Protein backbone atom coordinates (compact mmCIF):
# COMPACT_ATOMS: atom_id res chain seq x y z
CA MET A 1 -0.02 9.52 -10.19
CA LYS A 2 -0.74 6.10 -8.84
CA THR A 3 0.55 2.57 -8.54
CA TYR A 4 -0.95 -0.72 -7.47
CA CYS A 5 0.62 -2.49 -4.48
CA ARG A 6 0.08 -5.84 -2.76
CA ILE A 7 1.11 -6.55 0.82
CA PRO A 8 1.02 -10.01 2.42
CA PHE A 9 -2.18 -10.34 4.43
CA GLU A 10 -1.84 -9.73 8.15
CA GLN A 11 -5.10 -9.57 10.13
CA GLU A 12 -4.11 -6.69 12.44
CA LEU A 13 -2.84 -4.62 9.53
CA TRP A 14 -6.04 -5.27 7.57
CA GLU A 15 -8.19 -4.23 10.56
CA GLU A 16 -6.10 -1.10 11.10
CA LEU A 17 -6.30 -0.06 7.44
CA ASP A 18 -10.01 -0.86 7.27
CA ALA A 19 -10.66 1.25 10.40
CA GLU A 20 -8.80 4.23 8.86
CA ALA A 21 -10.66 4.03 5.54
CA ASN A 22 -13.73 6.10 4.76
CA ALA A 23 -16.94 4.60 3.31
CA SER A 24 -15.43 4.38 -0.19
CA GLY A 25 -12.31 2.59 1.06
CA LYS A 26 -9.97 5.60 0.89
CA ILE A 27 -7.45 6.52 3.54
CA ILE A 28 -6.86 10.24 2.99
CA LEU A 29 -3.47 11.48 4.19
CA GLU A 30 -2.62 14.93 5.57
CA ASP A 31 -2.51 16.91 2.33
CA ASN A 32 -6.06 15.81 1.28
CA GLU A 33 -4.78 14.90 -2.22
CA THR A 34 -2.68 11.89 -1.32
CA TYR A 35 -4.61 8.77 -0.50
CA VAL A 36 -4.50 5.02 -0.34
CA GLN A 37 -7.39 3.16 -1.96
CA LEU A 38 -8.01 -0.02 0.00
CA MET A 39 -9.44 -2.78 -2.16
CA PRO A 40 -12.03 -5.12 -0.61
CA VAL A 41 -10.65 -8.46 0.51
CA ASP A 42 -12.14 -11.20 -1.64
CA LYS A 43 -13.55 -13.72 0.81
CA TYR A 44 -13.05 -16.43 -1.81
CA ALA A 45 -9.34 -15.60 -2.27
CA PHE A 46 -8.40 -17.40 0.93
CA MET A 47 -7.69 -20.74 -0.67
CA PRO A 48 -5.47 -23.31 1.08
CA GLY A 49 -1.88 -22.87 -0.09
CA ALA A 50 -2.53 -19.49 -1.73
CA GLU A 51 -0.81 -16.48 -0.23
CA GLN A 52 -3.35 -13.99 1.09
CA MET A 53 -2.72 -10.38 0.07
CA ILE A 54 -3.97 -6.89 0.87
CA ASP A 55 -4.42 -4.91 -2.35
CA ILE A 56 -4.06 -1.13 -2.31
CA ILE A 57 -3.72 1.66 -4.85
CA LEU A 58 -1.28 4.42 -3.86
CA ASN A 59 -2.20 7.89 -5.17
CA PHE A 60 0.01 10.96 -4.92
CA SER A 61 0.41 14.23 -6.80
CA SER A 62 3.96 15.45 -6.08
CA GLN A 63 7.33 14.55 -4.56
CA VAL A 64 6.17 16.00 -1.23
CA ALA A 65 3.06 13.84 -1.39
CA LEU A 66 5.17 10.80 -2.29
CA GLY A 67 7.29 11.37 0.82
CA LEU A 68 4.15 11.58 2.96
CA LEU A 69 2.83 8.37 1.41
CA ILE A 70 6.15 6.52 1.86
CA ASN A 71 6.39 7.50 5.53
CA TRP A 72 2.81 6.34 6.14
CA LEU A 73 3.23 3.03 4.27
CA TYR A 74 6.66 2.25 5.71
CA ASP A 75 5.40 2.81 9.27
CA LYS A 76 2.46 0.45 8.65
CA ILE A 77 4.48 -2.40 7.20
CA LYS A 78 7.35 -1.99 9.67
CA GLN A 79 4.99 -2.10 12.68
CA LYS A 80 3.65 -5.44 11.49
CA ASN A 81 7.09 -6.81 10.56
CA ILE A 82 6.12 -7.32 6.92
CA LYS A 83 9.17 -8.40 4.94
CA LYS A 84 8.00 -8.01 1.32
CA PHE A 85 5.53 -6.27 -0.96
CA ILE A 86 4.53 -6.56 -4.61
CA ILE A 87 4.25 -3.77 -7.19
CA LYS A 88 3.26 -4.57 -10.77
CA ASP A 89 3.80 -8.30 -10.22
CA GLU A 90 7.38 -7.77 -8.99
CA THR A 91 8.21 -8.83 -5.43
CA TYR A 92 10.49 -6.60 -3.34
CA GLU A 93 11.97 -7.10 0.11
CA VAL A 94 11.40 -4.26 2.55
CA LYS A 95 14.88 -2.77 3.04
CA GLY A 96 14.10 0.73 4.30
CA LYS A 97 12.23 3.89 3.35
CA ASP A 98 14.65 4.92 0.60
CA MET A 99 14.28 1.60 -1.17
CA LEU A 100 10.49 1.71 -0.81
CA GLU A 101 10.39 5.24 -2.21
CA ASN A 102 12.62 4.31 -5.14
CA VAL A 103 10.48 1.30 -6.07
CA ILE A 104 7.20 3.23 -5.88
CA GLU A 105 8.62 6.27 -7.67
CA ASN A 106 9.80 4.07 -10.54
CA ASN A 107 6.52 2.18 -10.88
CA PHE A 108 3.73 4.74 -10.91
CA ASP A 109 1.38 5.58 -13.76
CA LYS A 110 1.87 9.28 -14.58
CA ASP A 111 -1.37 9.97 -16.44
CA GLU A 112 -3.85 8.69 -13.89
């Protein structure tokens, strides 16, 4: 199961995610099946007035894996004081782990 997520660009967060990623751009979490696919930052996307974003694909295989993914993602965005994220073109304010889990759980593609 997976869903596409966008997080407002923050240089330290990008560097941290990029450092954690393997050569194919994946950040593999503890269970070896759950991972975050980090999409390359388009150097031409940084246009004046356009909001810069970090694009990731969240992949998980079970409720346990979803919990692992939520904890990882929430810690990352909370550390950098990120206030919003986008899933499937819908913007959400970060209001806690439960809210983040609910949004992701209700917006994943089951047959991927």
